[in-house]
Amino acid sequence: MRRKRKTLAGGIPSALELIITAPLFAALSRPEQETLAEAARLVEFEADSQIFARGDNGLDVFLVADGRVRLAALSAEGKVLTFANAGRGDIFGEMAAFDGGTRSADATAMTDVIAYAMPGEVLLRTFTATPVGARAAVTYLCGKVRATSLQAEDIALHTITIRLARFILSALKLTRTPLTNSRTAQLSLQMSQAEIADLLGASRQKLNQALSRLVQQNVVSRRRNVYTCNLPALRKAARTD
């Protein structure tokens, strides 16, 4: 279910606040960022509702203000491949805006979601207006392709234990936790084990087995959704050293 909000709820950032901090928009000038913010409208989606389906026309680009969205593909046999989860400050739906194609994945609200919807034509016009904007778009899209390639490589070539260790290490880096001179770090994951398993292309049973191995090897310890990580051991388990 989708409906337009007329007022901002407490704690919900403005479109401009999110745009300024989003990597895709970092190279744009402040007037260009403000143009995108002015074109954005606030929308809501209830938990478990479909935001768009694979193959739909890509009319809008979404910037998450609150909640989580799963981007995935569903096979005819009912198997789900999760490409990514989008949370606060993340963008989704931009691929169709840039190439004029249809949606390449299903987007489903994992929780109640508040987001800003920006017309794809405004996004495309803003980024193609200057060489700086065009280069920023190319750099961003190349980064997305690289990330997808690495995800496919991990699923095809590495065990679920290695994939889980790499996922935890990547999640730590996203929190901007200082890692270089530290031996331990804590990570709070607001995701269920089923959601993590989907992202890693594994069953929940396989994920639990991998987590148990990391605990037994003193790589991580877990208390509810908080993971305490032994960083040297985690890097070794992730095969990054």
C-alpha atoms as a PDB file:
ATOM      1  CA  MET A   1       0.000   0.000   0.000  1.00  0.00           C
ATOM      2  CA  ARG A   2       1.326   3.392  -0.938  1.00  0.00           C
ATOM      3  CA  ARG A   3       0.115   6.802   0.119  1.00  0.00           C
ATOM      4  CA  LYS A   4       1.511  10.312   0.047  1.00  0.00           C
ATOM      5  CA  ARG A   5       2.291  12.007   3.348  1.00  0.00           C
ATOM      6  CA  LYS A   6       1.494  15.679   3.819  1.00  0.00           C
ATOM      7  CA  THR A   7       3.781  16.298   6.806  1.00  0.00           C
ATOM      8  CA  LEU A   8       7.125  14.979   8.021  1.00  0.00           C
ATOM      9  CA  ALA A   9       7.014  12.594  10.954  1.00  0.00           C
ATOM     10  CA  GLY A  10       9.348  13.217  13.873  1.00  0.00           C
ATOM     11  CA  GLY A  11      12.898  12.106  13.159  1.00  0.00           C
ATOM     12  CA  ILE A  12      12.408  11.770   9.400  1.00  0.00           C
ATOM     13  CA  PRO A  13      15.125  13.665   7.505  1.00  0.00           C
ATOM     14  CA  SER A  14      14.260  15.988   4.665  1.00  0.00           C
ATOM     15  CA  ALA A  15      14.942  15.015   1.070  1.00  0.00           C
ATOM     16  CA  LEU A  16      17.797  17.524   0.861  1.00  0.00           C
ATOM     17  CA  GLU A  17      19.444  16.147   4.012  1.00  0.00           C
ATOM     18  CA  LEU A  18      19.480  12.658   2.494  1.00  0.00           C
ATOM     19  CA  ILE A  19      20.553  13.825  -0.956  1.00  0.00           C
ATOM     20  CA  ILE A  20      23.547  15.752   0.441  1.00  0.00           C
ATOM     21  CA  THR A  21      24.900  12.625   2.168  1.00  0.00           C
ATOM     22  CA  ALA A  22      24.122  10.059  -0.568  1.00  0.00           C
ATOM     23  CA  PRO A  23      27.223   9.007  -2.590  1.00  0.00           C
ATOM     24  CA  LEU A  24      25.388   9.250  -5.919  1.00  0.00           C
ATOM     25  CA  PHE A  25      24.667  12.952  -5.416  1.00  0.00           C
ATOM     26  CA  ALA A  26      27.961  14.003  -3.797  1.00  0.00           C
ATOM     27  CA  ALA A  27      29.453  15.442  -7.017  1.00  0.00           C
ATOM     28  CA  LEU A  28      26.414  17.593  -7.783  1.00  0.00           C
ATOM     29  CA  SER A  29      26.339  21.288  -6.964  1.00  0.00           C
ATOM     30  CA  ARG A  30      24.085  22.505  -4.160  1.00  0.00           C
ATOM     31  CA  PRO A  31      21.587  24.045  -6.651  1.00  0.00           C
ATOM     32  CA  GLU A  32      21.410  20.700  -8.480  1.00  0.00           C
ATOM     33  CA  GLN A  33      20.876  18.863  -5.187  1.00  0.00           C
ATOM     34  CA  GLU A  34      18.148  21.341  -4.280  1.00  0.00           C
ATOM     35  CA  THR A  35      16.456  20.798  -7.656  1.00  0.00           C
ATOM     36  CA  LEU A  36      16.233  17.062  -6.944  1.00  0.00           C
ATOM     37  CA  ALA A  37      14.963  17.708  -3.418  1.00  0.00           C
ATOM     38  CA  GLU A  38      12.236  20.014  -4.693  1.00  0.00           C
ATOM     39  CA  ALA A  39      11.088  17.334  -7.157  1.00  0.00           C
ATOM     40  CA  ALA A  40      10.919  14.644  -4.445  1.00  0.00           C
ATOM     41  CA  ARG A  41       7.657  13.665  -2.811  1.00  0.00           C
ATOM     42  CA  LEU A  42       7.290  11.734   0.435  1.00  0.00           C
ATOM     43  CA  VAL A  43       5.594   8.332   0.168  1.00  0.00           C
ATOM     44  CA  GLU A  44       4.885   5.426   2.514  1.00  0.00           C
ATOM     45  CA  PHE A  45       4.755   1.668   2.030  1.00  0.00           C
ATOM     46  CA  GLU A  46       3.409  -0.838   4.508  1.00  0.00           C
ATOM     47  CA  ALA A  47       5.536  -3.799   5.581  1.00  0.00           C
ATOM     48  CA  ASP A  48       5.432  -6.732   3.105  1.00  0.00           C
ATOM     49  CA  SER A  49       3.937  -4.587   0.340  1.00  0.00           C
ATOM     50  CA  GLN A  50       5.436  -4.547  -3.141  1.00  0.00           C
ATOM     51  CA  ILE A  51       6.887  -1.187  -4.179  1.00  0.00           C
ATOM     52  CA  PHE A  52       7.501  -2.276  -7.762  1.00  0.00           C
ATOM     53  CA  ALA A  53       7.920  -5.528  -9.686  1.00  0.00           C
ATOM     54  CA  ARG A  54      10.609  -6.738 -12.044  1.00  0.00           C
ATOM     55  CA  GLY A  55       9.627  -5.677 -15.560  1.00  0.00           C
ATOM     56  CA  ASP A  56       7.637  -2.612 -14.465  1.00  0.00           C
ATOM     57  CA  ASN A  57       8.319   0.724 -16.136  1.00  0.00           C
ATOM     58  CA  GLY A  58      10.881   2.679 -14.135  1.00  0.00           C
ATOM     59  CA  LEU A  59       9.163   6.007 -13.549  1.00  0.00           C
ATOM     60  CA  ASP A  60      10.505   6.946 -10.102  1.00  0.00           C
ATOM     61  CA  VAL A  61      13.759   6.703  -8.163  1.00  0.00           C
ATOM     62  CA  PHE A  62      13.447   6.141  -4.414  1.00  0.00           C
ATOM     63  CA  LEU A  63      15.528   7.448  -1.531  1.00  0.00           C
ATOM     64  CA  VAL A  64      14.831   5.693   1.774  1.00  0.00           C
ATOM     65  CA  ALA A  65      14.122   7.951   4.736  1.00  0.00           C
ATOM     66  CA  ASP A  66      13.122   5.183   7.168  1.00  0.00           C
ATOM     67  CA  GLY A  67      12.677   1.413   7.052  1.00  0.00           C
ATOM     68  CA  ARG A  68      14.184  -1.344   4.912  1.00  0.00           C
ATOM     69  CA  VAL A  69      13.508  -2.524   1.353  1.00  0.00           C
ATOM     70  CA  ARG A  70      14.517  -5.858  -0.193  1.00  0.00           C
ATOM     71  CA  LEU A  71      15.640  -5.877  -3.836  1.00  0.00           C
ATOM     72  CA  ALA A  72      15.358  -9.398  -5.219  1.00  0.00           C
ATOM     73  CA  ALA A  73      14.479 -11.631  -8.145  1.00  0.00           C
ATOM     74  CA  LEU A  74      11.930 -14.444  -7.889  1.00  0.00           C
ATOM     75  CA  SER A  75      12.129 -17.517 -10.138  1.00  0.00           C
ATOM     76  CA  ALA A  76       9.145 -19.429 -11.530  1.00  0.00           C
ATOM     77  CA  GLU A  77       9.931 -22.147  -8.960  1.00  0.00           C
ATOM     78  CA  GLY A  78       9.602 -19.657  -6.116  1.00  0.00           C
ATOM     79  CA  LYS A  79      13.324 -19.312  -5.365  1.00  0.00           C
ATOM     80  CA  VAL A  80      14.442 -15.860  -4.227  1.00  0.00           C
ATOM     81  CA  LEU A  81      17.795 -14.233  -4.983  1.00  0.00           C
ATOM     82  CA  THR A  82      18.322 -11.101  -2.901  1.00  0.00           C
ATOM     83  CA  PHE A  83      20.586  -8.516  -4.511  1.00  0.00           C
ATOM     84  CA  ALA A  84      20.573  -5.947  -1.719  1.00  0.00           C
ATOM     85  CA  ASN A  85      18.662  -4.429   1.166  1.00  0.00           C
ATOM     86  CA  ALA A  86      18.143  -0.653   1.124  1.00  0.00           C
ATOM     87  CA  GLY A  87      17.972   1.289   4.389  1.00  0.00           C
ATOM     88  CA  ARG A  88      17.972   4.939   5.427  1.00  0.00           C
ATOM     89  CA  GLY A  89      19.933   7.051   2.957  1.00  0.00           C
ATOM     90  CA  ASP A  90      20.053   4.325   0.300  1.00  0.00           C
ATOM     91  CA  ILE A  91      18.779   4.744  -3.264  1.00  0.00           C
ATOM     92  CA  PHE A  92      16.941   2.163  -5.305  1.00  0.00           C
ATOM     93  CA  GLY A  93      15.216   2.146  -8.676  1.00  0.00           C
ATOM     94  CA  GLU A  94      17.890   4.327 -10.291  1.00  0.00           C
ATOM     95  CA  MET A  95      19.021   1.805 -12.909  1.00  0.00           C
ATOM     96  CA  ALA A  96      15.812   2.081 -14.943  1.00  0.00           C
ATOM     97  CA  ALA A  97      15.971   5.873 -14.756  1.00  0.00           C
ATOM     98  CA  PHE A  98      19.477   5.960 -16.193  1.00  0.00           C
ATOM     99  CA  ASP A  99      19.034   3.431 -19.016  1.00  0.00           C
ATOM    100  CA  GLY A 100      15.320   3.896 -19.772  1.00  0.00           C
ATOM    101  CA  GLY A 101      14.667   0.183 -19.288  1.00  0.00           C
ATOM    102  CA  THR A 102      12.272  -1.684 -17.039  1.00  0.00           C
ATOM    103  CA  ARG A 103      12.836  -2.659 -13.414  1.00  0.00           C
ATOM    104  CA  SER A 104      15.512  -5.345 -13.038  1.00  0.00           C
ATOM    105  CA  ALA A 105      14.343  -6.561  -9.619  1.00  0.00           C
ATOM    106  CA  ASP A 106      11.343  -6.704  -7.298  1.00  0.00           C
ATOM    107  CA  ALA A 107      11.334  -4.127  -4.499  1.00  0.00           C
ATOM    108  CA  THR A 108       9.463  -5.157  -1.350  1.00  0.00           C
ATOM    109  CA  ALA A 109       9.056  -3.281   1.924  1.00  0.00           C
ATOM    110  CA  MET A 110      10.585  -5.422   4.681  1.00  0.00           C
ATOM    111  CA  THR A 111       9.265  -3.020   7.325  1.00  0.00           C
ATOM    112  CA  ASP A 112       7.024   0.018   7.159  1.00  0.00           C
ATOM    113  CA  VAL A 113       8.927   2.321   4.818  1.00  0.00           C
ATOM    114  CA  ILE A 114       9.007   6.079   4.348  1.00  0.00           C
ATOM    115  CA  ALA A 115      10.833   7.208   1.222  1.00  0.00           C
ATOM    116  CA  TYR A 116      11.211  10.073  -1.201  1.00  0.00           C
ATOM    117  CA  ALA A 117      10.166   9.378  -4.784  1.00  0.00           C
ATOM    118  CA  MET A 118      11.950  11.426  -7.439  1.00  0.00           C
ATOM    119  CA  PRO A 119      10.882  11.448 -11.107  1.00  0.00           C
ATOM    120  CA  GLY A 120      13.421   9.487 -13.127  1.00  0.00           C
ATOM    121  CA  GLU A 121      13.393  12.100 -15.889  1.00  0.00           C
ATOM    122  CA  VAL A 122      14.471  14.797 -13.417  1.00  0.00           C
ATOM    123  CA  LEU A 123      17.297  12.593 -12.156  1.00  0.00           C
ATOM    124  CA  LEU A 124      18.503  11.834 -15.694  1.00  0.00           C
ATOM    125  CA  ARG A 125      18.276  15.474 -16.790  1.00  0.00           C
ATOM    126  CA  THR A 126      20.246  16.631 -13.733  1.00  0.00           C
ATOM    127  CA  PHE A 127      23.082  14.159 -14.229  1.00  0.00           C
ATOM    128  CA  THR A 128      23.420  14.637 -17.973  1.00  0.00           C
ATOM    129  CA  ALA A 129      23.426  18.453 -17.789  1.00  0.00           C
ATOM    130  CA  THR A 130      27.162  18.667 -16.999  1.00  0.00           C
ATOM    131  CA  PRO A 131      30.267  16.526 -17.583  1.00  0.00           C
ATOM    132  CA  VAL A 132      30.790  16.330 -13.815  1.00  0.00           C
ATOM    133  CA  GLY A 133      27.299  14.934 -13.300  1.00  0.00           C
ATOM    134  CA  ALA A 134      27.639  12.467 -16.170  1.00  0.00           C
ATOM    135  CA  ARG A 135      30.954  11.194 -14.796  1.00  0.00           C
ATOM    136  CA  ALA A 136      29.465  10.845 -11.305  1.00  0.00           C
ATOM    137  CA  ALA A 137      26.626   8.735 -12.709  1.00  0.00           C
ATOM    138  CA  VAL A 138      29.030   6.487 -14.634  1.00  0.00           C
ATOM    139  CA  THR A 139      31.266   6.052 -11.575  1.00  0.00           C
ATOM    140  CA  TYR A 140      28.288   5.174  -9.394  1.00  0.00           C
ATOM    141  CA  LEU A 141      26.847   2.671 -11.868  1.00  0.00           C
ATOM    142  CA  CYS A 142      30.246   1.018 -12.366  1.00  0.00           C
ATOM    143  CA  GLY A 143      30.444   0.605  -8.604  1.00  0.00           C
ATOM    144  CA  LYS A 144      27.057  -1.126  -8.628  1.00  0.00           C
ATOM    145  CA  VAL A 145      28.200  -3.490 -11.387  1.00  0.00           C
ATOM    146  CA  ARG A 146      31.401  -4.310  -9.495  1.00  0.00           C
ATOM    147  CA  ALA A 147      29.457  -5.030  -6.311  1.00  0.00           C
ATOM    148  CA  THR A 148      27.048  -7.330  -8.159  1.00  0.00           C
ATOM    149  CA  SER A 149      29.975  -9.153  -9.793  1.00  0.00           C
ATOM    150  CA  LEU A 150      31.640  -9.676  -6.410  1.00  0.00           C
ATOM    151  CA  GLN A 151      28.379 -10.946  -4.937  1.00  0.00           C
ATOM    152  CA  ALA A 152      27.994 -13.478  -7.775  1.00  0.00           C
ATOM    153  CA  GLU A 153      31.654 -14.512  -7.373  1.00  0.00           C
ATOM    154  CA  ASP A 154      31.226 -15.034  -3.633  1.00  0.00           C
ATOM    155  CA  ILE A 155      28.146 -17.223  -4.097  1.00  0.00           C
ATOM    156  CA  ALA A 156      29.776 -19.292  -6.843  1.00  0.00           C
ATOM    157  CA  LEU A 157      33.300 -19.674  -5.456  1.00  0.00           C
ATOM    158  CA  HIS A 158      33.269 -19.303  -1.666  1.00  0.00           C
ATOM    159  CA  THR A 159      31.769 -21.222   1.243  1.00  0.00           C
ATOM    160  CA  ILE A 160      28.965 -19.735   3.291  1.00  0.00           C
ATOM    161  CA  THR A 161      31.409 -19.281   6.200  1.00  0.00           C
ATOM    162  CA  ILE A 162      33.690 -17.081   4.081  1.00  0.00           C
ATOM    163  CA  ARG A 163      30.685 -15.197   2.690  1.00  0.00           C
ATOM    164  CA  LEU A 164      29.355 -14.541   6.194  1.00  0.00           C
ATOM    165  CA  ALA A 165      32.752 -13.317   7.416  1.00  0.00           C
ATOM    166  CA  ARG A 166      32.998 -10.980   4.412  1.00  0.00           C
ATOM    167  CA  PHE A 167      29.455  -9.737   5.018  1.00  0.00           C
ATOM    168  CA  ILE A 168      30.224  -8.898   8.663  1.00  0.00           C
ATOM    169  CA  LEU A 169      33.477  -7.169   7.677  1.00  0.00           C
ATOM    170  CA  SER A 170      31.688  -5.128   4.965  1.00  0.00           C
ATOM    171  CA  ALA A 171      28.938  -4.171   7.410  1.00  0.00           C
ATOM    172  CA  LEU A 172      31.565  -2.936   9.879  1.00  0.00           C
ATOM    173  CA  LYS A 173      33.145  -0.761   7.176  1.00  0.00           C
ATOM    174  CA  LEU A 174      29.760   0.747   6.331  1.00  0.00           C
ATOM    175  CA  THR A 175      29.353   1.867   9.955  1.00  0.00           C
ATOM    176  CA  ARG A 176      32.681   3.745   9.569  1.00  0.00           C
ATOM    177  CA  THR A 177      34.018   1.952  12.635  1.00  0.00           C
ATOM    178  CA  PRO A 178      37.816   2.525  12.924  1.00  0.00           C
ATOM    179  CA  LEU A 179      39.326  -0.832  12.011  1.00  0.00           C
ATOM    180  CA  THR A 180      42.966  -0.212  11.083  1.00  0.00           C
ATOM    181  CA  ASN A 181      44.469  -0.103  14.577  1.00  0.00           C
ATOM    182  CA  SER A 182      41.808  -2.062  16.432  1.00  0.00           C
ATOM    183  CA  ARG A 183      41.630  -5.731  17.359  1.00  0.00           C
ATOM    184  CA  THR A 184      37.936  -5.834  18.249  1.00  0.00           C
ATOM    185  CA  ALA A 185      34.803  -4.061  17.068  1.00  0.00           C
ATOM    186  CA  GLN A 186      31.093  -4.315  17.740  1.00  0.00           C
ATOM    187  CA  LEU A 187      28.422  -4.470  15.071  1.00  0.00           C
ATOM    188  CA  SER A 188      24.689  -4.047  15.624  1.00  0.00           C
ATOM    189  CA  LEU A 189      22.720  -5.679  12.804  1.00  0.00           C
ATOM    190  CA  GLN A 190      19.047  -4.803  12.551  1.00  0.00           C
ATOM    191  CA  MET A 191      18.426  -7.770  10.271  1.00  0.00           C
ATOM    192  CA  SER A 192      17.016 -11.223  10.898  1.00  0.00           C
ATOM    193  CA  GLN A 193      19.063 -14.323  10.131  1.00  0.00           C
ATOM    194  CA  ALA A 194      16.619 -15.129   7.327  1.00  0.00           C
ATOM    195  CA  GLU A 195      17.332 -11.744   5.737  1.00  0.00           C
ATOM    196  CA  ILE A 196      21.102 -12.252   6.000  1.00  0.00           C
ATOM    197  CA  ALA A 197      20.750 -15.756   4.529  1.00  0.00           C
ATOM    198  CA  ASP A 198      18.849 -14.339   1.536  1.00  0.00           C
ATOM    199  CA  LEU A 199      21.593 -11.787   0.911  1.00  0.00           C
ATOM    200  CA  LEU A 200      24.276 -14.472   1.032  1.00  0.00           C
ATOM    201  CA  GLY A 201      22.427 -16.918  -1.200  1.00  0.00           C
ATOM    202  CA  ALA A 202      22.090 -19.565   1.520  1.00  0.00           C
ATOM    203  CA  SER A 203      19.440 -21.276   3.590  1.00  0.00           C
ATOM    204  CA  ARG A 204      18.908 -20.188   7.190  1.00  0.00           C
ATOM    205  CA  GLN A 205      20.178 -23.594   8.357  1.00  0.00           C
ATOM    206  CA  LYS A 206      23.453 -23.148   6.431  1.00  0.00           C
ATOM    207  CA  LEU A 207      23.823 -19.626   7.803  1.00  0.00           C
ATOM    208  CA  ASN A 208      23.356 -20.851  11.394  1.00  0.00           C
ATOM    209  CA  GLN A 209      26.004 -23.515  10.823  1.00  0.00           C
ATOM    210  CA  ALA A 210      28.427 -20.911   9.443  1.00  0.00           C
ATOM    211  CA  LEU A 211      27.777 -18.575  12.377  1.00  0.00           C
ATOM    212  CA  SER A 212      28.376 -21.436  14.813  1.00  0.00           C
ATOM    213  CA  ARG A 213      31.732 -22.125  13.151  1.00  0.00           C
ATOM    214  CA  LEU A 214      32.770 -18.471  13.461  1.00  0.00           C
ATOM    215  CA  VAL A 215      31.779 -18.500  17.148  1.00  0.00           C
ATOM    216  CA  GLN A 216      33.674 -21.757  17.793  1.00  0.00           C
ATOM    217  CA  GLN A 217      36.757 -20.305  16.091  1.00  0.00           C
ATOM    218  CA  ASN A 218      36.526 -17.177  18.302  1.00  0.00           C
ATOM    219  CA  VAL A 219      36.006 -14.985  15.246  1.00  0.00           C
ATOM    220  CA  VAL A 220      32.797 -13.471  16.613  1.00  0.00           C
ATOM    221  CA  SER A 221      30.588 -13.672  19.649  1.00  0.00           C
ATOM    222  CA  ARG A 222      26.911 -12.798  19.494  1.00  0.00           C
ATOM    223  CA  ARG A 223      24.403 -11.371  21.923  1.00  0.00           C
ATOM    224  CA  ARG A 224      21.047 -10.944  20.193  1.00  0.00           C
ATOM    225  CA  ASN A 225      21.762  -8.677  17.196  1.00  0.00           C
ATOM    226  CA  VAL A 226      25.104  -7.395  18.487  1.00  0.00           C
ATOM    227  CA  TYR A 227      28.257  -9.076  17.167  1.00  0.00           C
ATOM    228  CA  THR A 228      31.623  -8.608  18.887  1.00  0.00           C
ATOM    229  CA  CYS A 229      34.286  -9.255  16.257  1.00  0.00           C
ATOM    230  CA  ASN A 230      37.897 -10.379  16.597  1.00  0.00           C
ATOM    231  CA  LEU A 231      39.187  -8.348  13.656  1.00  0.00           C
ATOM    232  CA  PRO A 232      42.403 -10.256  12.821  1.00  0.00           C
ATOM    233  CA  ALA A 233      40.489 -13.547  12.974  1.00  0.00           C
ATOM    234  CA  LEU A 234      37.608 -12.056  10.979  1.00  0.00           C
ATOM    235  CA  ARG A 235      39.939 -10.889   8.195  1.00  0.00           C
ATOM    236  CA  LYS A 236      41.527 -14.344   8.111  1.00  0.00           C
ATOM    237  CA  ALA A 237      38.107 -16.019   7.944  1.00  0.00           C
ATOM    238  CA  ALA A 238      37.085 -13.650   5.141  1.00  0.00           C
ATOM    239  CA  ARG A 239      40.305 -14.466   3.259  1.00  0.00           C
ATOM    240  CA  THR A 240      41.189 -10.773   2.926  1.00  0.00           C
ATOM    241  CA  ASP A 241      44.698 -10.942   4.402  1.00  0.00           C
END
